[in-house]
N, C-alpha and C. Protein backbone atom coordinates (compact mmCIF):
# COMPACT_ATOMS: atom_id res chain seq x y z
N MET A 1 0.87 -1.16 0.02
CA MET A 1 0.03 0.01 -0.07
C MET A 1 0.76 1.20 -0.04
N SER A 2 0.62 1.82 -1.00
CA SER A 2 1.47 3.11 -1.12
C SER A 2 0.38 4.28 -0.74
N SER A 3 1.06 5.05 0.14
CA SER A 3 0.15 6.25 0.45
C SER A 3 0.68 7.52 -0.50
N SER A 4 -0.39 8.03 -1.15
CA SER A 4 -0.20 9.01 -2.02
C SER A 4 -0.75 10.34 -1.25
N PRO A 5 0.02 11.48 -1.50
CA PRO A 5 -0.43 12.57 -0.83
C PRO A 5 -1.94 13.07 -1.36
N PRO A 6 -2.49 13.59 -0.41
CA PRO A 6 -3.87 13.94 -0.86
C PRO A 6 -3.93 15.08 -2.12
N PRO A 7 -4.88 15.10 -2.97
CA PRO A 7 -4.79 15.93 -3.97
C PRO A 7 -5.07 17.38 -3.47
N SER A 8 -4.52 18.27 -4.27
CA SER A 8 -4.44 19.66 -3.60
C SER A 8 -5.61 20.39 -4.65
N GLY A 9 -6.23 21.15 -4.00
CA GLY A 9 -7.47 22.05 -4.61
C GLY A 9 -8.74 21.30 -4.82
N PRO A 10 -9.81 21.64 -5.27
CA PRO A 10 -10.88 21.26 -5.43
C PRO A 10 -10.88 20.00 -6.45
N PRO A 11 -11.73 19.19 -6.49
CA PRO A 11 -11.94 18.05 -7.39
C PRO A 11 -12.08 18.56 -8.80
N PRO A 12 -11.60 18.00 -9.95
CA PRO A 12 -11.77 18.42 -11.23
C PRO A 12 -13.06 19.00 -11.67
N GLY A 13 -14.24 18.36 -11.20
CA GLY A 13 -15.60 18.78 -11.66
C GLY A 13 -16.10 20.04 -10.86
N ASP A 14 -15.37 20.44 -9.85
CA ASP A 14 -15.87 21.53 -9.02
C ASP A 14 -15.29 22.93 -9.42
N GLN A 15 -14.34 22.79 -10.24
CA GLN A 15 -13.69 24.26 -10.60
C GLN A 15 -14.51 25.07 -11.75
N PRO A 16 -14.49 26.29 -11.63
CA PRO A 16 -15.18 27.17 -12.58
C PRO A 16 -14.64 27.07 -13.81
N PRO A 17 -15.24 27.26 -14.95
CA PRO A 17 -14.71 27.25 -16.15
C PRO A 17 -13.54 28.47 -16.36
N PRO A 18 -12.68 28.32 -17.33
CA PRO A 18 -11.64 29.13 -17.57
C PRO A 18 -12.34 30.47 -17.70
N GLY A 19 -11.62 31.55 -17.14
CA GLY A 19 -12.21 32.91 -17.34
C GLY A 19 -13.16 33.61 -16.36
N ASP A 20 -13.92 32.53 -15.63
CA ASP A 20 -14.92 32.91 -14.61
C ASP A 20 -14.19 33.20 -13.31
N GLN A 21 -14.67 34.23 -12.59
CA GLN A 21 -14.25 34.28 -11.28
C GLN A 21 -14.78 33.41 -10.03
N PRO A 22 -14.38 33.05 -9.13
CA PRO A 22 -14.94 32.51 -8.14
C PRO A 22 -15.87 33.22 -7.40
N PRO A 23 -16.91 32.74 -6.76
CA PRO A 23 -17.93 33.37 -6.02
C PRO A 23 -17.47 34.48 -5.31
N GLY A 24 -18.14 35.80 -5.14
CA GLY A 24 -17.62 36.81 -4.51
C GLY A 24 -16.55 37.70 -5.27
N GLY A 25 -16.41 37.41 -6.60
CA GLY A 25 -15.64 38.14 -7.42
C GLY A 25 -14.02 38.14 -7.13
N GLY A 26 -13.78 37.11 -6.41
CA GLY A 26 -12.30 36.85 -6.19
C GLY A 26 -11.97 37.57 -4.86
N GLN A 27 -12.88 38.27 -4.36
CA GLN A 27 -12.53 39.09 -2.90
C GLN A 27 -12.82 38.04 -1.81
N PRO A 28 -12.05 38.30 -0.69
CA PRO A 28 -12.23 37.57 0.50
C PRO A 28 -13.51 37.82 0.99
N PRO A 29 -14.24 36.95 1.92
CA PRO A 29 -15.61 37.15 2.29
C PRO A 29 -15.35 38.22 3.46
N PRO A 30 -16.34 39.11 3.58
CA PRO A 30 -16.30 40.20 4.69
C PRO A 30 -15.68 39.45 6.08
N GLY A 31 -14.56 40.36 6.48
CA GLY A 31 -13.95 40.05 7.89
C GLY A 31 -12.72 39.42 7.57
N ASP A 32 -12.65 38.72 6.46
CA ASP A 32 -11.14 38.30 6.16
C ASP A 32 -10.29 39.10 5.50
N GLN A 33 -8.94 39.29 5.91
CA GLN A 33 -8.15 40.12 5.25
C GLN A 33 -7.23 39.28 4.32
N PRO A 34 -7.08 39.77 3.07
CA PRO A 34 -5.95 39.05 2.26
C PRO A 34 -4.59 39.22 2.91
N PRO A 35 -3.70 38.48 2.64
CA PRO A 35 -2.28 38.59 3.05
C PRO A 35 -1.74 40.06 2.93
N GLY A 36 -1.31 40.60 3.79
CA GLY A 36 -0.67 42.00 3.44
C GLY A 36 -1.75 43.04 3.80
N GLY A 37 -2.94 42.87 4.32
CA GLY A 37 -3.73 43.97 4.64
C GLY A 37 -4.59 44.08 3.43
N PRO A 38 -5.66 45.31 3.87
CA PRO A 38 -6.70 45.46 2.91
C PRO A 38 -6.17 45.94 1.56
N PRO A 39 -6.87 46.04 0.45
CA PRO A 39 -6.36 46.70 -0.88
C PRO A 39 -6.25 47.97 -0.55
N PRO A 40 -5.50 48.77 -1.54
CA PRO A 40 -5.35 50.27 -1.40
C PRO A 40 -6.73 50.78 -1.51
N GLY A 41 -6.74 51.84 -0.87
CA GLY A 41 -7.90 52.57 -1.07
C GLY A 41 -9.05 52.24 0.00
N GLY A 42 -8.78 51.69 1.08
CA GLY A 42 -9.69 51.09 1.82
C GLY A 42 -10.53 49.95 1.57
N ASP A 43 -11.86 49.67 1.58
CA ASP A 43 -12.38 48.44 1.56
C ASP A 43 -12.90 48.31 0.02
N GLN A 44 -12.68 49.41 -0.88
CA GLN A 44 -13.14 49.05 -2.11
C GLN A 44 -12.11 48.45 -3.05
N PRO A 45 -12.61 47.75 -4.04
CA PRO A 45 -11.45 47.26 -4.98
C PRO A 45 -10.99 48.29 -5.92
N PRO A 46 -9.66 48.27 -6.24
CA PRO A 46 -9.05 49.30 -7.06
C PRO A 46 -9.91 49.59 -8.22
N GLY A 47 -10.21 50.70 -8.72
CA GLY A 47 -10.79 51.12 -9.81
C GLY A 47 -12.35 50.99 -9.59
N GLY A 48 -12.78 50.52 -8.64
CA GLY A 48 -14.36 50.49 -8.32
C GLY A 48 -14.76 51.85 -7.97
N PRO A 49 -16.17 51.90 -7.68
CA PRO A 49 -16.88 53.57 -7.36
C PRO A 49 -16.67 53.66 -6.04
N PRO A 50 -16.64 54.88 -5.73
CA PRO A 50 -16.52 55.18 -4.30
C PRO A 50 -17.75 54.70 -3.64
N PRO A 51 -17.64 54.46 -2.21
CA PRO A 51 -18.76 53.98 -1.50
C PRO A 51 -20.01 55.01 -1.56
N GLY A 52 -21.19 54.42 -1.70
CA GLY A 52 -22.32 55.04 -1.86
C GLY A 52 -22.89 55.60 -3.08
N GLY A 53 -22.30 55.08 -4.25
CA GLY A 53 -22.67 55.42 -5.48
C GLY A 53 -21.66 55.87 -6.49
N ASP A 54 -21.83 56.36 -7.51
CA ASP A 54 -20.79 56.67 -8.48
C ASP A 54 -20.54 57.99 -8.40
N GLN A 55 -20.78 58.98 -7.44
CA GLN A 55 -20.48 60.38 -7.27
C GLN A 55 -19.68 60.49 -6.10
N PRO A 56 -18.57 61.30 -6.18
CA PRO A 56 -17.74 61.65 -5.08
C PRO A 56 -18.49 62.31 -4.07
N LEU A 57 -18.14 62.02 -2.65
CA LEU A 57 -18.85 62.35 -1.52
C LEU A 57 -18.50 63.78 -1.37
N GLY A 58 -19.46 64.48 -0.88
CA GLY A 58 -19.14 65.95 -0.34
C GLY A 58 -19.20 66.86 -1.39
N GLY A 59 -19.60 66.71 -2.54
CA GLY A 59 -19.64 67.70 -3.54
C GLY A 59 -21.06 67.49 -4.53
N PRO A 60 -21.36 68.60 -5.47
CA PRO A 60 -22.36 68.44 -6.23
C PRO A 60 -21.96 67.26 -7.43
N PRO A 61 -22.99 66.65 -7.93
CA PRO A 61 -22.74 65.72 -9.03
C PRO A 61 -22.09 66.43 -10.09
N PRO A 62 -21.32 65.58 -11.02
CA PRO A 62 -20.54 66.14 -12.13
C PRO A 62 -21.59 66.86 -13.17
N GLY A 63 -21.24 68.13 -13.49
CA GLY A 63 -21.95 68.90 -14.50
C GLY A 63 -22.77 69.91 -13.65
N GLY A 64 -22.72 70.15 -12.43
CA GLY A 64 -23.49 71.22 -11.79
C GLY A 64 -24.17 70.77 -10.53
N ASP A 65 -24.71 71.61 -9.86
CA ASP A 65 -25.73 71.27 -8.68
C ASP A 65 -27.16 71.32 -9.16
N ARG A 66 -27.68 70.12 -9.21
CA ARG A 66 -28.93 69.90 -9.50
C ARG A 66 -29.99 70.35 -8.55
N THR A 67 -29.76 70.29 -7.40
CA THR A 67 -30.78 70.72 -6.29
C THR A 67 -30.90 72.14 -6.36
N LEU A 68 -29.71 72.73 -6.42
CA LEU A 68 -29.85 74.30 -6.60
C LEU A 68 -30.48 74.69 -8.01
N ALA A 69 -30.24 74.00 -9.02
CA ALA A 69 -30.93 74.44 -10.21
C ALA A 69 -32.50 74.03 -10.02
N GLN A 70 -33.01 73.28 -9.37
CA GLN A 70 -34.45 72.97 -8.96
C GLN A 70 -34.79 74.18 -7.96
N VAL A 71 -34.13 74.42 -7.23
CA VAL A 71 -34.52 75.57 -6.32
C VAL A 71 -34.69 76.85 -7.09
N ALA A 72 -33.80 77.06 -8.08
CA ALA A 72 -34.01 78.06 -9.02
C ALA A 72 -35.38 78.36 -9.46
N HIS A 73 -36.00 77.37 -9.74
CA HIS A 73 -37.27 77.26 -10.34
C HIS A 73 -38.54 77.34 -9.20
N LEU A 74 -38.24 76.61 -8.12
CA LEU A 74 -39.21 76.32 -7.13
C LEU A 74 -39.20 77.68 -6.24
N SER A 75 -38.12 78.43 -6.21
CA SER A 75 -37.99 79.56 -5.19
C SER A 75 -39.02 80.74 -5.71
N SER A 76 -39.50 80.69 -6.84
CA SER A 76 -40.42 81.58 -7.34
C SER A 76 -41.86 81.57 -6.44
N LEU A 77 -41.91 80.31 -5.78
CA LEU A 77 -43.19 80.09 -4.98
C LEU A 77 -43.20 81.12 -3.74
N VAL A 78 -42.02 81.93 -3.67
CA VAL A 78 -42.15 82.95 -2.57
C VAL A 78 -43.38 83.97 -2.87
N LEU A 79 -43.80 83.95 -4.00
CA LEU A 79 -44.97 84.73 -4.45
C LEU A 79 -46.01 84.56 -3.54
N LEU A 80 -46.21 83.48 -3.22
CA LEU A 80 -47.21 82.92 -2.37
C LEU A 80 -47.24 83.57 -0.89
N LEU A 81 -46.16 84.10 -0.67
CA LEU A 81 -45.84 84.81 0.58
C LEU A 81 -45.76 86.37 0.68
N GLY A 82 -46.14 86.67 -0.59
CA GLY A 82 -46.09 88.18 -0.90
C GLY A 82 -44.82 88.70 -1.28
N ILE A 83 -43.85 88.11 -1.48
CA ILE A 83 -42.56 88.47 -2.10
C ILE A 83 -42.54 88.36 -3.46
N PRO A 84 -42.06 89.35 -4.28
CA PRO A 84 -42.04 89.14 -5.60
C PRO A 84 -41.36 88.06 -6.20
N SER A 85 -41.97 87.25 -7.22
CA SER A 85 -41.49 85.97 -7.63
C SER A 85 -40.17 85.99 -8.27
N PHE A 86 -39.60 87.05 -8.74
CA PHE A 86 -38.25 86.99 -9.33
C PHE A 86 -37.14 87.08 -8.23
N VAL A 87 -37.42 87.30 -7.02
CA VAL A 87 -36.50 87.37 -5.93
C VAL A 87 -35.67 85.94 -5.72
N GLY A 88 -36.52 84.87 -5.67
CA GLY A 88 -35.78 83.51 -5.61
C GLY A 88 -34.87 83.11 -6.72
N PRO A 89 -35.26 83.31 -7.82
CA PRO A 89 -34.36 83.03 -8.99
C PRO A 89 -33.20 84.09 -9.20
N LEU A 90 -33.57 85.31 -8.75
CA LEU A 90 -32.43 86.32 -8.55
C LEU A 90 -31.29 85.81 -7.62
N VAL A 91 -31.71 85.39 -6.36
CA VAL A 91 -30.70 85.00 -5.34
C VAL A 91 -29.96 83.74 -5.93
N VAL A 92 -30.61 82.96 -6.31
CA VAL A 92 -29.94 81.66 -6.88
C VAL A 92 -28.93 82.12 -8.08
N PHE A 93 -29.29 82.97 -9.05
CA PHE A 93 -28.31 83.28 -9.95
C PHE A 93 -27.19 84.21 -9.69
N ALA A 94 -27.56 84.87 -8.50
CA ALA A 94 -26.30 85.83 -7.99
C ALA A 94 -25.26 85.00 -7.27
N LEU A 95 -25.78 83.84 -6.74
CA LEU A 95 -24.88 83.06 -5.93
C LEU A 95 -24.20 81.95 -6.97
N ARG A 96 -24.83 81.57 -7.81
CA ARG A 96 -24.38 80.31 -8.64
C ARG A 96 -24.47 80.63 -10.15
N ARG A 97 -24.17 81.94 -10.63
CA ARG A 97 -24.19 82.23 -11.95
C ARG A 97 -23.20 81.45 -12.81
N ASN A 98 -22.10 81.11 -12.32
CA ASN A 98 -21.07 80.28 -12.95
C ASN A 98 -21.28 78.72 -12.98
N ASP A 99 -22.27 78.26 -12.25
CA ASP A 99 -22.60 76.89 -11.98
C ASP A 99 -23.01 76.29 -13.47
N PRO A 100 -22.55 75.21 -14.04
CA PRO A 100 -22.87 75.03 -15.24
C PRO A 100 -24.44 74.47 -15.44
N LEU A 101 -25.10 74.23 -14.33
CA LEU A 101 -26.37 73.75 -14.34
C LEU A 101 -27.36 74.61 -13.65
N ALA A 102 -27.07 75.11 -12.49
CA ALA A 102 -27.96 76.06 -11.78
C ALA A 102 -27.98 77.39 -12.21
N GLY A 103 -26.81 77.86 -12.82
CA GLY A 103 -26.68 79.17 -13.66
C GLY A 103 -27.75 79.46 -14.61
N PRO A 104 -27.73 78.47 -15.72
CA PRO A 104 -28.77 78.42 -16.77
C PRO A 104 -30.15 78.42 -16.29
N HIS A 105 -30.29 77.41 -15.41
CA HIS A 105 -31.71 77.33 -14.90
C HIS A 105 -32.21 78.56 -14.18
N ALA A 106 -31.29 79.17 -13.37
CA ALA A 106 -31.79 80.28 -12.67
C ALA A 106 -32.01 81.62 -13.61
N ARG A 107 -31.19 81.54 -14.65
CA ARG A 107 -31.19 82.73 -15.43
C ARG A 107 -32.66 82.76 -16.32
N GLU A 108 -33.05 81.24 -16.66
CA GLU A 108 -34.22 81.16 -17.40
C GLU A 108 -35.38 81.56 -16.54
N ALA A 109 -35.43 81.21 -15.27
CA ALA A 109 -36.42 81.48 -14.42
C ALA A 109 -36.57 83.03 -14.15
N LEU A 110 -35.41 83.43 -13.85
CA LEU A 110 -35.50 85.01 -13.53
C LEU A 110 -35.94 85.66 -14.90
N ASN A 111 -35.54 85.31 -16.15
CA ASN A 111 -36.01 85.98 -17.42
C ASN A 111 -37.56 85.92 -17.33
N PHE A 112 -37.97 84.64 -17.14
CA PHE A 112 -39.58 84.37 -17.16
C PHE A 112 -40.30 85.62 -16.12
N HIS A 113 -39.80 85.64 -15.00
CA HIS A 113 -40.41 86.19 -13.90
C HIS A 113 -40.43 87.79 -14.18
N LEU A 114 -39.20 88.13 -14.68
CA LEU A 114 -39.00 89.62 -15.24
C LEU A 114 -40.11 89.77 -16.31
N THR A 115 -40.09 89.06 -17.30
CA THR A 115 -40.95 89.14 -18.37
C THR A 115 -42.31 89.48 -17.96
N TRP A 116 -42.88 88.48 -16.93
CA TRP A 116 -44.18 88.66 -16.57
C TRP A 116 -44.39 89.60 -15.51
N LEU A 117 -43.59 90.14 -14.88
CA LEU A 117 -43.52 91.26 -14.07
C LEU A 117 -43.95 92.66 -14.95
N ILE A 118 -43.09 92.73 -16.00
CA ILE A 118 -43.39 93.80 -16.95
C ILE A 118 -44.74 93.69 -17.60
N VAL A 119 -45.17 92.52 -17.88
CA VAL A 119 -46.56 92.44 -18.51
C VAL A 119 -47.60 92.85 -17.60
N VAL A 120 -47.43 92.28 -16.51
CA VAL A 120 -48.74 92.44 -15.45
C VAL A 120 -48.60 93.96 -15.08
N LEU A 121 -47.46 94.54 -15.04
CA LEU A 121 -47.46 96.07 -14.74
C LEU A 121 -47.96 96.81 -15.89
N ALA A 122 -47.74 96.68 -17.02
CA ALA A 122 -48.30 97.45 -18.18
C ALA A 122 -49.60 97.15 -18.12
N SER A 123 -50.14 95.99 -18.03
CA SER A 123 -51.52 95.84 -17.97
C SER A 123 -52.40 96.41 -16.97
N PHE A 124 -51.57 96.43 -15.68
CA PHE A 124 -52.32 97.38 -14.52
C PHE A 124 -52.35 98.80 -14.90
N VAL A 125 -51.29 99.25 -15.51
CA VAL A 125 -51.14 100.80 -15.93
C VAL A 125 -52.36 100.95 -17.01
N LEU A 126 -52.51 100.11 -17.99
CA LEU A 126 -53.49 100.05 -18.96
C LEU A 126 -55.07 100.15 -18.34
N SER A 127 -55.07 99.28 -17.35
CA SER A 127 -56.29 99.36 -16.56
C SER A 127 -56.61 100.63 -15.71
N LEU A 128 -55.67 101.27 -15.19
CA LEU A 128 -55.87 102.66 -14.58
C LEU A 128 -56.28 103.67 -15.67
N VAL A 129 -55.37 103.62 -16.78
CA VAL A 129 -55.48 104.73 -17.73
C VAL A 129 -56.87 104.64 -18.34
N THR A 130 -57.45 103.39 -18.50
CA THR A 130 -58.84 103.29 -19.20
C THR A 130 -59.89 103.18 -18.19
N LEU A 131 -59.55 103.52 -16.91
CA LEU A 131 -60.53 103.59 -15.83
C LEU A 131 -61.21 102.18 -15.70
N GLY A 132 -60.56 101.12 -15.56
CA GLY A 132 -60.89 99.82 -15.31
C GLY A 132 -61.16 99.02 -16.61
N LEU A 133 -61.36 99.49 -17.66
CA LEU A 133 -61.57 98.84 -18.89
C LEU A 133 -60.37 97.90 -19.26
N GLY A 134 -59.20 98.20 -18.68
CA GLY A 134 -57.91 97.42 -19.00
C GLY A 134 -57.97 96.11 -18.30
N LEU A 135 -59.07 96.04 -17.23
CA LEU A 135 -59.17 94.68 -16.56
C LEU A 135 -59.73 93.48 -17.43
N ILE A 136 -60.21 93.98 -18.62
CA ILE A 136 -60.47 92.97 -19.61
C ILE A 136 -59.39 92.19 -20.12
N VAL A 137 -58.33 93.07 -19.96
CA VAL A 137 -57.10 92.56 -20.55
C VAL A 137 -56.12 91.94 -19.48
N LEU A 138 -56.24 92.69 -18.28
CA LEU A 138 -55.54 92.10 -17.16
C LEU A 138 -55.68 90.86 -16.71
N LEU A 139 -57.00 90.50 -16.42
CA LEU A 139 -57.47 89.22 -16.06
C LEU A 139 -57.03 88.14 -16.88
N PRO A 140 -57.38 88.21 -18.10
CA PRO A 140 -56.83 86.87 -19.00
C PRO A 140 -55.31 86.86 -19.08
N VAL A 141 -54.56 88.06 -18.99
CA VAL A 141 -53.07 87.98 -18.87
C VAL A 141 -52.58 87.33 -17.64
N VAL A 142 -53.16 87.60 -16.52
CA VAL A 142 -52.83 87.00 -15.33
C VAL A 142 -53.14 85.46 -15.25
N ILE A 143 -54.23 85.14 -15.77
CA ILE A 143 -54.62 83.67 -15.91
C ILE A 143 -53.61 82.95 -16.76
N ILE A 144 -53.40 83.52 -17.92
CA ILE A 144 -52.32 82.85 -18.79
C ILE A 144 -51.06 82.71 -18.22
N GLY A 145 -50.61 83.99 -17.59
CA GLY A 145 -49.31 83.97 -16.71
C GLY A 145 -49.21 82.75 -15.81
N LEU A 146 -50.12 82.51 -15.25
CA LEU A 146 -50.28 81.50 -13.92
C LEU A 146 -50.12 80.10 -14.62
N ILE A 147 -50.82 79.99 -15.59
CA ILE A 147 -50.74 78.71 -16.33
C ILE A 147 -49.42 78.36 -16.83
N VAL A 148 -48.76 79.41 -17.58
CA VAL A 148 -47.39 79.19 -18.11
C VAL A 148 -46.52 79.19 -16.89
N TRP A 149 -46.59 79.89 -15.86
CA TRP A 149 -45.76 79.57 -14.90
C TRP A 149 -45.65 78.23 -14.22
N ILE A 150 -46.88 77.75 -14.04
CA ILE A 150 -46.91 76.36 -13.44
C ILE A 150 -46.23 75.42 -14.38
N ILE A 151 -46.68 75.49 -15.82
CA ILE A 151 -46.05 74.56 -16.72
C ILE A 151 -44.44 74.70 -16.85
N GLY A 152 -44.06 75.99 -17.02
CA GLY A 152 -42.59 76.20 -16.99
C GLY A 152 -41.85 75.73 -15.71
N MET A 153 -42.44 75.91 -14.60
CA MET A 153 -41.94 75.59 -13.24
C MET A 153 -41.70 74.15 -13.20
N VAL A 154 -42.72 73.50 -13.59
CA VAL A 154 -42.76 71.98 -13.46
C VAL A 154 -41.63 71.22 -14.53
N ARG A 155 -41.76 71.82 -15.74
CA ARG A 155 -40.82 71.43 -16.66
C ARG A 155 -39.39 71.72 -16.38
N GLY A 156 -39.11 72.95 -15.83
CA GLY A 156 -37.72 73.26 -15.39
C GLY A 156 -37.24 72.30 -14.17
N VAL A 157 -38.24 72.07 -13.08
CA VAL A 157 -37.72 71.27 -12.01
C VAL A 157 -37.33 69.94 -12.73
N GLN A 158 -38.08 69.44 -13.63
CA GLN A 158 -37.84 68.01 -14.14
C GLN A 158 -36.75 68.14 -14.69
N ALA A 159 -36.37 68.99 -15.71
CA ALA A 159 -35.15 69.23 -16.33
C ALA A 159 -33.75 69.37 -15.57
N ALA A 160 -33.98 70.20 -14.47
CA ALA A 160 -32.85 70.30 -13.69
C ALA A 160 -32.61 68.91 -12.85
N GLY A 161 -33.56 68.30 -12.29
CA GLY A 161 -33.38 66.92 -11.68
C GLY A 161 -32.72 66.04 -12.71
N GLU A 162 -32.90 65.96 -13.91
CA GLU A 162 -32.38 65.01 -14.85
C GLU A 162 -30.95 65.56 -15.22
N GLY A 163 -30.66 66.69 -14.76
CA GLY A 163 -29.28 67.30 -15.21
C GLY A 163 -29.18 67.84 -16.47
N VAL A 164 -30.30 68.12 -17.19
CA VAL A 164 -30.38 68.66 -18.45
C VAL A 164 -30.05 70.25 -18.24
N PRO A 165 -28.93 70.75 -19.05
CA PRO A 165 -28.56 72.15 -18.52
C PRO A 165 -29.43 73.22 -19.16
N HIS A 166 -30.54 72.96 -19.86
CA HIS A 166 -31.17 74.21 -20.51
C HIS A 166 -32.81 73.94 -20.39
N SER A 167 -33.41 74.57 -19.84
CA SER A 167 -35.04 74.48 -19.76
C SER A 167 -35.63 75.93 -20.11
N GLU A 168 -36.36 75.97 -21.08
CA GLU A 168 -37.11 77.23 -21.58
C GLU A 168 -38.63 77.33 -21.04
N TYR A 169 -38.71 78.47 -20.44
CA TYR A 169 -40.00 78.69 -20.04
C TYR A 169 -40.84 79.36 -21.48
N PRO A 170 -41.90 79.17 -21.69
CA PRO A 170 -42.70 79.46 -22.76
C PRO A 170 -43.06 81.01 -22.60
N LEU A 171 -43.22 81.73 -23.68
CA LEU A 171 -43.66 83.20 -23.66
C LEU A 171 -42.60 84.10 -22.67
N THR A 172 -41.35 83.91 -22.96
CA THR A 172 -40.39 84.56 -22.14
C THR A 172 -39.44 85.34 -23.19
N ILE A 173 -39.31 86.70 -22.44
CA ILE A 173 -38.41 87.59 -23.16
C ILE A 173 -36.87 87.41 -22.35
N ARG A 174 -35.88 86.91 -23.16
CA ARG A 174 -34.65 86.68 -22.56
C ARG A 174 -33.72 87.92 -22.37
N MET A 175 -34.12 88.58 -21.49
CA MET A 175 -33.21 89.89 -21.30
C MET A 175 -31.85 89.69 -20.54
N ILE A 176 -31.70 88.71 -19.72
CA ILE A 176 -30.39 88.26 -19.14
C ILE A 176 -29.97 87.29 -19.78
N GLN A 177 -28.56 87.55 -20.47
CA GLN A 177 -27.98 86.71 -21.18
C GLN A 177 -26.81 86.00 -20.56
N ASP A 178 -25.89 85.23 -21.10
CA ASP A 178 -24.76 84.58 -20.58
C ASP A 178 -23.73 85.57 -20.04
């Protein structure tokens, strides 16, 4: 009886096909450390995404600040508090004019609100000069403006959330340019 050494490795039928990685992607199970310590860069494999997603922690996503771009559109809701609607987009535009996403969105929202401020003021003056007959023009203008405002704001918030750098409000004079 000759004693042969036990075979090394798994039996031939249990090996993965060539080119496939063993379960776990070749990484040791959690809690086990490979010889020499953890891989460079902490617990992530080299070249892998940072923890928590594919964006670096602590900064805006690549291409601009999506949240601030959305705020540029939604901030016009300060009108409901009695503050002129252009104040919110103006603040965002002043703070982030050079942001590749928030800047164009704030500019478009600001242009829209300035356009409609002029239209409503002109209609109001017309109603004063005509001793109230201008209200025939003012009321439909205000209703149209509100509808366009809601549509533009919703479309702008959606575009900003998707990272689209440009969203146009309808019926807007673009007074403020790049």
